Amino acid sequence: MDKISGAVNGPKIRDTALRFVLLIGVLSFFADFTYEGSRSILGPYLESLQASAFAVGVVTGLGELLGYGLRLVSGRFADRTQKFWPITIFGYFLQMTSVPLLALTGSWPAAAVLIILERVGKATRNPPRDTMLSHAAKQMGYGWAFGVHEALDQFGALVGPLIVAAVLALRGDFHLAFAALAIPAVINLTLVLIANRVYPHPEQMETSLPDVQARGLPRVFWLYLTGAVLVAAGFADFPLIAYHFAQASIVSTDIIPVFYAVAMGVSGTGSLVFGRLYDRFGFWVLIALTVIAALFAPLVFLGGFWTALVGAALWGLGMGVHESIIPAAVAPMVPPQRRASAYGLFTAGYGIFWFLGSAAIGYLYTISIPALIAFSVLLQLAAIPWFLSVALRTRRGQPESAG
């Protein structure tokens, strides 16, 4: 078992930090294997249960609303109680048990309940888990540490959909596909308990924990949050994209998970590469990639098979960039003692706007696909001035007052 103490520094703490990041990354691999495997077929599955496009948009959007919004509660509770591991473990158990239970559903409202519970589980465990990771990231570089974690996370999201696609190709049975995901779910829960046992106090990896005097959060945090919620509002959830593929007969049902796997592969690789670039160049990396990722909407909703595949890859790029850079960027903006609350607040705002955007995109899909595309692209590009402001402030090292 690794023994971490404030008196130990240098290579030993960096090695411990790396091992911790890799262990959390591996358990996240199996978590994403499980829930992203299921999410790759939620659109076609809900369609097979007679759900409308609007219902798909609302269910997935509500799931994201709770999946992000409840992080505000989870983050504050974690900061107040300092019970990071118990909260994280509970969230993983709720999330990992919800997915295989989809194998027992026979109506879209029943499936919707489990889809939402899975998001609630993720909401519960993410702020305390990311806070624990941030202590290790201090030793490695925030972008690199979160990039390594997100790469392992997203490669799980690549494998899961491929396994689901294989099950569908061989048996054509949604319920069997969901049942198969019980295996990685059990592995994930086992690894969570092992990580808790081996690293009970990851906060000791960050040896300098300054006293917190000022109230509130720095202005740069709010500028970043404003840009991020605009991106979230314009970012379509994949179940609606998959619903479109099925409805328009662009991609066969058994190939849709392969498209999702491609998106997750791009997401994982992008996290690894762009996390390192973020440590070197800061927010300029985020600005460039936000512009590129915004192009996914016209490609997936107007294109044929190959164009839609490129669009799915760009969608995955956008997911990977924001999933890895968000925690990497927030960590140095706020004191360690407020980090879980900051993560919770940030992702709560992100989720509220994702829900509103998902519902709007689902509604626009039933009216006008060109209007949907314009809505998506313009909102994402509207985030650029806010990210630019953050880039300029962080580049010149301007002191930030609490807001």
Protein backbone atom coordinates (compact mmCIF):
# COMPACT_ATOMS: atom_id res chain seq x y z
CA MET A 1 0.00 0.00 0.00
CA ASP A 2 1.31 3.47 -0.86
CA LYS A 3 2.02 5.61 2.19
CA ILE A 4 1.63 9.29 1.46
CA SER A 5 2.77 11.98 3.82
CA GLY A 6 3.39 15.69 3.61
CA ALA A 7 7.02 15.08 4.52
CA VAL A 8 7.65 13.10 1.35
CA ASN A 9 8.15 14.92 -1.91
CA GLY A 10 9.78 14.82 -5.30
CA PRO A 11 9.88 11.67 -7.43
CA LYS A 12 8.17 9.48 -4.79
CA ILE A 13 5.01 11.59 -4.71
CA ARG A 14 5.02 11.93 -8.52
CA ASP A 15 5.26 8.15 -8.87
CA THR A 16 2.44 7.70 -6.36
CA ALA A 17 0.35 10.30 -8.19
CA LEU A 18 0.91 8.52 -11.51
CA ARG A 19 -0.11 5.15 -10.06
CA PHE A 20 -3.24 6.69 -8.55
CA VAL A 21 -4.23 8.37 -11.84
CA LEU A 22 -3.69 5.11 -13.73
CA LEU A 23 -5.74 3.07 -11.23
CA ILE A 24 -8.63 5.56 -11.37
CA GLY A 25 -8.25 5.56 -15.16
CA VAL A 26 -8.57 1.77 -15.33
CA LEU A 27 -11.67 1.70 -13.15
CA SER A 28 -13.07 4.50 -15.33
CA PHE A 29 -12.29 2.34 -18.38
CA PHE A 30 -14.70 -0.29 -17.08
CA ALA A 31 -17.24 2.33 -16.01
CA ASP A 32 -17.35 3.77 -19.51
CA PHE A 33 -17.30 0.28 -21.01
CA THR A 34 -20.54 -0.25 -19.10
CA TYR A 35 -22.54 2.95 -19.42
CA GLU A 36 -21.25 4.16 -22.78
CA GLY A 37 -21.91 0.70 -24.18
CA SER A 38 -25.53 1.14 -23.17
CA ARG A 39 -25.74 4.76 -24.33
CA SER A 40 -24.57 3.77 -27.81
CA ILE A 41 -27.90 1.98 -28.37
CA LEU A 42 -30.29 4.03 -26.23
CA GLY A 43 -31.61 5.97 -29.24
CA PRO A 44 -32.51 2.91 -31.34
CA TYR A 45 -33.69 1.05 -28.21
CA LEU A 46 -36.07 3.86 -27.23
CA GLU A 47 -37.28 4.04 -30.84
CA SER A 48 -37.99 0.28 -30.73
CA LEU A 49 -40.12 0.97 -27.64
CA GLN A 50 -42.15 3.55 -29.61
CA ALA A 51 -40.60 6.67 -28.04
CA SER A 52 -40.82 9.85 -30.16
CA ALA A 53 -37.84 12.05 -31.06
CA PHE A 54 -39.10 14.64 -28.58
CA ALA A 55 -39.31 11.96 -25.85
CA VAL A 56 -35.74 10.86 -26.61
CA GLY A 57 -34.53 14.45 -26.42
CA VAL A 58 -36.35 15.08 -23.13
CA VAL A 59 -35.29 11.79 -21.48
CA THR A 60 -31.64 12.13 -22.42
CA GLY A 61 -31.68 15.85 -21.69
CA LEU A 62 -33.27 15.31 -18.29
CA GLY A 63 -30.69 12.65 -17.60
CA GLU A 64 -27.94 15.14 -18.40
CA LEU A 65 -29.69 17.82 -16.31
CA LEU A 66 -29.66 15.56 -13.25
CA GLY A 67 -26.32 14.04 -14.20
CA TYR A 68 -24.72 17.47 -14.10
CA GLY A 69 -27.10 19.50 -11.93
CA LEU A 70 -26.91 17.18 -8.93
CA ARG A 71 -23.13 17.56 -8.92
CA LEU A 72 -23.72 20.91 -7.23
CA VAL A 73 -25.17 19.03 -4.26
CA SER A 74 -22.59 16.26 -4.40
CA GLY A 75 -19.67 18.70 -4.64
CA ARG A 76 -20.78 20.85 -1.72
CA PHE A 77 -21.54 17.79 0.38
CA ALA A 78 -18.08 16.37 -0.37
CA ASP A 79 -16.35 19.64 0.56
CA ARG A 80 -18.37 19.94 3.75
CA THR A 81 -17.96 16.34 4.94
CA GLN A 82 -14.60 15.50 3.32
CA LYS A 83 -16.06 12.01 2.74
CA PHE A 84 -14.76 11.79 -0.81
CA TRP A 85 -14.47 8.01 -1.05
CA PRO A 86 -17.86 7.04 0.47
CA ILE A 87 -19.69 9.46 -1.86
CA THR A 88 -17.70 8.23 -4.85
CA ILE A 89 -18.36 4.56 -4.05
CA PHE A 90 -22.11 5.14 -3.61
CA GLY A 91 -22.29 6.93 -6.97
CA TYR A 92 -20.50 4.12 -8.78
CA PHE A 93 -22.77 1.46 -7.23
CA LEU A 94 -25.90 3.35 -8.30
CA GLN A 95 -24.59 3.91 -11.82
CA MET A 96 -23.21 0.42 -12.42
CA THR A 97 -26.35 -1.37 -11.23
CA SER A 98 -28.71 0.77 -13.34
CA VAL A 99 -27.25 -0.26 -16.70
CA PRO A 100 -27.68 -4.08 -16.59
CA LEU A 101 -31.21 -3.60 -15.25
CA LEU A 102 -32.17 -2.14 -18.65
CA ALA A 103 -32.21 -5.77 -19.79
CA LEU A 104 -35.43 -6.18 -17.78
CA THR A 105 -37.34 -3.23 -19.27
CA GLY A 106 -40.14 -3.52 -21.82
CA SER A 107 -41.45 0.03 -22.16
CA TRP A 108 -39.75 3.33 -22.79
CA PRO A 109 -40.91 4.98 -19.52
CA ALA A 110 -39.38 2.09 -17.53
CA ALA A 111 -36.15 2.40 -19.50
CA ALA A 112 -36.21 6.17 -18.97
CA VAL A 113 -36.17 5.71 -15.18
CA LEU A 114 -33.01 3.62 -15.33
CA ILE A 115 -31.38 5.94 -17.86
CA ILE A 116 -31.94 8.83 -15.47
CA LEU A 117 -30.75 6.85 -12.41
CA GLU A 118 -27.53 6.02 -14.23
CA ARG A 119 -26.93 9.75 -14.73
CA VAL A 120 -27.72 10.42 -11.05
CA GLY A 121 -25.05 7.90 -10.07
CA LYS A 122 -22.53 9.67 -12.26
CA ALA A 123 -23.52 13.03 -10.77
CA THR A 124 -22.93 11.70 -7.28
CA ARG A 125 -19.44 10.32 -7.83
CA ASN A 126 -17.84 12.80 -10.24
CA PRO A 127 -17.07 15.89 -8.08
CA PRO A 128 -15.39 13.95 -5.24
CA ARG A 129 -13.56 11.69 -7.70
CA ASP A 130 -12.29 14.65 -9.76
CA THR A 131 -11.21 16.40 -6.58
CA MET A 132 -9.15 13.36 -5.58
CA LEU A 133 -7.65 13.26 -9.06
CA SER A 134 -6.81 16.97 -8.89
CA HIS A 135 -4.53 16.34 -5.90
CA ALA A 136 -2.53 13.87 -7.98
CA ALA A 137 -2.70 16.17 -11.02
CA LYS A 138 -0.85 18.88 -9.09
CA GLN A 139 2.21 16.60 -9.24
CA MET A 140 1.93 15.71 -12.96
CA GLY A 141 0.43 18.74 -14.69
CA TYR A 142 -3.33 19.20 -14.70
CA GLY A 143 -3.82 18.76 -18.44
CA TRP A 144 -1.64 15.66 -18.62
CA ALA A 145 -3.16 13.96 -15.55
CA PHE A 146 -6.75 14.57 -16.57
CA GLY A 147 -5.86 13.77 -20.18
CA VAL A 148 -4.41 10.37 -19.22
CA HIS A 149 -7.45 9.62 -17.09
CA GLU A 150 -9.88 10.74 -19.78
CA ALA A 151 -8.03 8.71 -22.44
CA LEU A 152 -8.45 5.51 -20.42
CA ASP A 153 -12.03 6.53 -19.68
CA GLN A 154 -12.85 7.08 -23.34
CA PHE A 155 -11.10 3.95 -24.56
CA GLY A 156 -13.54 2.10 -22.32
CA ALA A 157 -16.22 4.05 -24.17
CA LEU A 158 -14.76 2.69 -27.41
CA VAL A 159 -14.68 -0.97 -26.32
CA GLY A 160 -18.17 -0.98 -24.78
CA PRO A 161 -20.04 0.03 -27.93
CA LEU A 162 -18.01 -2.45 -30.01
CA ILE A 163 -19.00 -5.30 -27.70
CA VAL A 164 -22.61 -4.15 -27.84
CA ALA A 165 -22.41 -3.98 -31.63
CA ALA A 166 -21.06 -7.55 -31.71
CA VAL A 167 -23.93 -8.78 -29.53
CA LEU A 168 -26.48 -7.05 -31.76
CA ALA A 169 -24.84 -8.39 -34.92
CA LEU A 170 -24.85 -11.95 -33.59
CA ARG A 171 -28.17 -12.03 -31.75
CA GLY A 172 -30.06 -8.82 -32.61
CA ASP A 173 -31.25 -8.57 -29.01
CA PHE A 174 -31.10 -5.25 -27.13
CA HIS A 175 -31.84 -6.92 -23.79
CA LEU A 176 -28.98 -9.40 -24.14
CA ALA A 177 -26.64 -6.50 -24.98
CA PHE A 178 -27.60 -4.69 -21.77
CA ALA A 179 -27.23 -7.90 -19.74
CA ALA A 180 -23.69 -8.45 -21.08
CA LEU A 181 -22.67 -5.11 -19.59
CA ALA A 182 -23.03 -6.56 -16.08
CA ILE A 183 -19.51 -8.01 -16.46
CA PRO A 184 -17.58 -4.72 -16.78
CA ALA A 185 -19.89 -3.21 -14.16
CA VAL A 186 -18.79 -5.79 -11.57
CA ILE A 187 -15.11 -5.26 -12.49
CA ASN A 188 -15.53 -1.50 -12.05
CA LEU A 189 -17.07 -1.86 -8.60
CA THR A 190 -14.29 -4.21 -7.53
CA LEU A 191 -11.63 -1.72 -8.65
CA VAL A 192 -13.36 1.16 -6.84
CA LEU A 193 -13.11 -0.76 -3.57
CA ILE A 194 -9.46 -1.61 -4.27
CA ALA A 195 -8.62 2.04 -5.02
CA ASN A 196 -10.24 3.13 -1.77
CA ARG A 197 -8.21 0.52 0.11
CA VAL A 198 -4.86 1.38 -1.48
CA TYR A 199 -5.24 5.18 -1.58
CA PRO A 200 -7.50 6.16 1.34
CA HIS A 201 -6.14 9.75 1.52
CA PRO A 202 -5.23 11.03 -1.97
CA GLU A 203 -5.38 14.64 -0.70
CA GLN A 204 -1.98 14.02 0.90
CA MET A 205 -0.43 14.03 -2.56
CA GLU A 206 -1.04 17.79 -2.72
CA THR A 207 1.32 18.85 0.05
CA SER A 208 0.53 22.57 0.03
CA LEU A 209 -3.09 23.33 0.94
CA PRO A 210 -3.37 27.10 1.50
CA ASP A 211 -5.86 28.64 3.88
CA VAL A 212 -9.00 29.97 2.21
CA GLN A 213 -9.87 33.54 3.19
CA ALA A 214 -11.86 35.12 0.35
CA ARG A 215 -15.45 34.19 -0.26
CA GLY A 216 -16.80 33.23 -3.63
CA LEU A 217 -14.98 32.05 -6.72
CA PRO A 218 -12.63 34.06 -8.99
CA ARG A 219 -13.97 36.02 -11.94
CA VAL A 220 -12.11 33.86 -14.44
CA PHE A 221 -14.10 30.85 -13.21
CA TRP A 222 -17.38 32.58 -14.09
CA LEU A 223 -16.09 33.64 -17.52
CA TYR A 224 -15.13 30.05 -18.24
CA LEU A 225 -18.47 28.76 -17.00
CA THR A 226 -20.36 31.17 -19.29
CA GLY A 227 -18.52 29.90 -22.35
CA ALA A 228 -18.90 26.27 -21.32
CA VAL A 229 -22.68 26.46 -20.88
CA LEU A 230 -23.04 27.90 -24.39
CA VAL A 231 -21.13 24.92 -25.77
CA ALA A 232 -23.30 22.56 -23.72
CA ALA A 233 -26.53 24.10 -25.00
CA GLY A 234 -25.46 23.62 -28.60
CA PHE A 235 -24.10 20.09 -28.20
CA ALA A 236 -26.53 17.36 -29.27
CA ASP A 237 -26.61 14.21 -27.16
CA PHE A 238 -25.60 11.06 -29.04
CA PRO A 239 -28.90 9.17 -28.51
CA LEU A 240 -30.64 11.81 -30.64
CA ILE A 241 -27.91 11.53 -33.28
CA ALA A 242 -28.34 7.74 -33.23
CA TYR A 243 -32.12 8.22 -33.42
CA HIS A 244 -31.59 10.29 -36.59
CA PHE A 245 -29.31 7.63 -38.08
CA ALA A 246 -32.00 5.00 -37.52
CA GLN A 247 -34.93 7.16 -38.65
CA ALA A 248 -33.21 8.37 -41.82
CA SER A 249 -31.76 4.89 -42.53
CA ILE A 250 -28.27 6.39 -42.82
CA VAL A 251 -26.68 3.72 -40.62
CA SER A 252 -28.03 0.26 -39.80
CA THR A 253 -28.88 -0.42 -36.15
CA ASP A 254 -26.00 -2.85 -35.58
CA ILE A 255 -23.47 -0.36 -37.01
CA ILE A 256 -24.59 2.65 -34.92
CA PRO A 257 -22.57 1.44 -31.90
CA VAL A 258 -19.51 1.30 -34.17
CA PHE A 259 -20.03 4.99 -34.99
CA TYR A 260 -20.19 5.70 -31.27
CA ALA A 261 -17.03 3.65 -30.72
CA VAL A 262 -15.24 5.74 -33.36
CA ALA A 263 -16.40 8.90 -31.59
CA MET A 264 -15.11 7.59 -28.26
CA GLY A 265 -11.81 6.53 -29.79
CA VAL A 266 -11.29 10.05 -31.14
CA SER A 267 -12.38 11.42 -27.77
CA GLY A 268 -9.86 9.33 -25.85
CA THR A 269 -6.96 10.04 -28.19
CA GLY A 270 -7.84 13.73 -28.23
CA SER A 271 -7.92 13.84 -24.43
CA LEU A 272 -4.42 12.42 -24.23
CA VAL A 273 -2.93 14.70 -26.87
CA PHE A 274 -4.79 17.89 -26.08
CA GLY A 275 -4.39 17.51 -22.32
CA ARG A 276 -0.63 17.74 -22.83
CA LEU A 277 -1.06 20.67 -25.23
CA TYR A 278 -3.31 22.41 -22.71
CA ASP A 279 -0.50 22.33 -20.11
CA ARG A 280 1.72 24.07 -22.64
CA PHE A 281 -0.60 26.50 -24.45
CA GLY A 282 -3.58 26.90 -22.14
CA PHE A 283 -6.98 28.01 -23.36
CA TRP A 284 -5.87 28.67 -26.93
CA VAL A 285 -6.11 24.90 -27.47
CA LEU A 286 -9.72 24.93 -26.22
CA ILE A 287 -10.65 27.83 -28.50
CA ALA A 288 -9.32 26.15 -31.66
CA LEU A 289 -10.93 22.82 -30.87
CA THR A 290 -14.31 24.36 -30.03
CA VAL A 291 -14.45 25.82 -33.54
CA ILE A 292 -13.53 22.49 -35.13
CA ALA A 293 -15.95 20.43 -33.02
CA ALA A 294 -18.87 22.76 -33.84
CA LEU A 295 -18.83 21.36 -37.39
CA PHE A 296 -20.23 18.02 -36.22
CA ALA A 297 -23.88 19.13 -36.51
CA PRO A 298 -24.13 19.69 -40.29
CA LEU A 299 -22.13 16.53 -40.94
CA VAL A 300 -24.21 14.15 -38.81
CA PHE A 301 -27.63 15.61 -39.63
CA LEU A 302 -27.19 16.31 -43.36
CA GLY A 303 -24.58 13.83 -44.52
CA GLY A 304 -24.64 10.29 -45.79
CA PHE A 305 -22.84 7.33 -44.26
CA TRP A 306 -19.22 8.51 -44.54
CA THR A 307 -19.95 12.17 -43.90
CA ALA A 308 -21.93 11.19 -40.81
CA LEU A 309 -18.98 9.10 -39.64
CA VAL A 310 -16.69 12.14 -39.87
CA GLY A 311 -19.32 14.15 -38.01
CA ALA A 312 -19.48 11.51 -35.27
CA ALA A 313 -15.69 11.69 -34.95
CA LEU A 314 -15.84 15.48 -34.55
CA TRP A 315 -18.62 15.07 -32.00
CA GLY A 316 -16.32 12.71 -30.07
CA LEU A 317 -13.47 15.19 -30.34
CA GLY A 318 -15.65 17.86 -28.76
CA MET A 319 -16.69 15.52 -25.96
CA GLY A 320 -13.11 14.52 -25.19
CA VAL A 321 -11.77 18.06 -25.17
CA HIS A 322 -14.41 19.36 -22.80
CA GLU A 323 -14.42 16.28 -20.56
CA SER A 324 -10.64 16.50 -20.03
CA ILE A 325 -9.99 20.25 -20.14
CA ILE A 326 -12.91 21.23 -17.88
CA PRO A 327 -11.50 19.57 -14.73
CA ALA A 328 -7.92 20.44 -15.72
CA ALA A 329 -8.79 24.12 -16.11
CA VAL A 330 -10.98 24.49 -13.03
CA ALA A 331 -8.46 22.93 -10.61
CA PRO A 332 -5.86 25.76 -10.62
CA MET A 333 -8.59 28.43 -10.66
CA VAL A 334 -9.87 27.66 -7.17
CA PRO A 335 -8.41 26.69 -3.77
CA PRO A 336 -8.20 22.93 -3.09
CA GLN A 337 -10.64 23.23 -0.18
CA ARG A 338 -13.33 24.51 -2.57
CA ARG A 339 -12.53 22.33 -5.53
CA ALA A 340 -15.38 19.82 -5.19
CA SER A 341 -17.88 22.68 -4.83
CA ALA A 342 -16.39 24.40 -7.88
CA TYR A 343 -16.60 21.20 -9.92
CA GLY A 344 -20.18 20.70 -8.75
CA LEU A 345 -21.21 24.28 -9.56
CA PHE A 346 -19.48 24.28 -12.92
CA THR A 347 -20.95 20.99 -14.09
CA ALA A 348 -24.38 21.86 -12.66
CA GLY A 349 -24.52 24.90 -14.93
CA TYR A 350 -23.19 22.80 -17.80
CA GLY A 351 -25.92 20.21 -17.26
CA ILE A 352 -28.79 22.69 -16.96
CA PHE A 353 -27.89 24.21 -20.30
CA TRP A 354 -27.29 20.77 -21.82
CA PHE A 355 -30.82 19.82 -20.81
CA LEU A 356 -32.32 23.00 -22.24
CA GLY A 357 -30.29 22.61 -25.42
CA SER A 358 -31.13 18.91 -25.79
CA ALA A 359 -34.85 19.59 -25.42
CA ALA A 360 -34.63 22.43 -27.95
CA ILE A 361 -32.63 20.32 -30.40
CA GLY A 362 -35.09 17.44 -30.03
CA TYR A 363 -37.97 19.82 -30.74
CA LEU A 364 -36.19 21.47 -33.68
CA TYR A 365 -35.54 18.02 -35.16
CA THR A 366 -39.30 17.56 -35.57
CA ILE A 367 -39.62 20.96 -37.30
CA SER A 368 -36.49 21.79 -39.29
CA ILE A 369 -33.10 20.10 -39.42
CA PRO A 370 -31.42 23.24 -40.88
CA ALA A 371 -32.77 25.22 -37.89
CA LEU A 372 -31.38 22.54 -35.57
CA ILE A 373 -27.94 22.83 -37.21
CA ALA A 374 -27.94 26.64 -37.03
CA PHE A 375 -28.93 26.51 -33.36
CA SER A 376 -26.15 24.04 -32.55
CA VAL A 377 -23.33 25.73 -34.46
CA LEU A 378 -24.11 29.32 -33.46
CA LEU A 379 -24.37 28.55 -29.76
CA GLN A 380 -21.03 26.75 -29.72
CA LEU A 381 -19.30 29.54 -31.60
CA ALA A 382 -20.82 32.09 -29.19
CA ALA A 383 -18.58 30.58 -26.51
CA ILE A 384 -15.39 31.71 -28.26
CA PRO A 385 -15.32 35.33 -26.91
CA TRP A 386 -15.68 34.02 -23.36
CA PHE A 387 -12.91 31.46 -23.79
CA LEU A 388 -10.76 34.17 -25.41
CA SER A 389 -11.22 36.36 -22.33
CA VAL A 390 -10.13 33.48 -20.10
CA ALA A 391 -7.10 32.82 -22.32
CA LEU A 392 -5.98 36.44 -22.14
CA ARG A 393 -6.41 36.61 -18.38
CA THR A 394 -4.61 33.36 -17.67
CA ARG A 395 -1.81 34.22 -20.13
CA ARG A 396 -0.91 37.46 -18.42
CA GLY A 397 -1.42 35.97 -14.97
CA GLN A 398 -3.84 38.68 -13.93
CA PRO A 399 -4.89 38.38 -10.27
CA GLU A 400 -8.55 37.50 -9.96
CA SER A 401 -10.90 38.82 -7.33
CA ALA A 402 -13.61 36.62 -5.94
CA GLY A 403 -16.99 37.01 -7.49
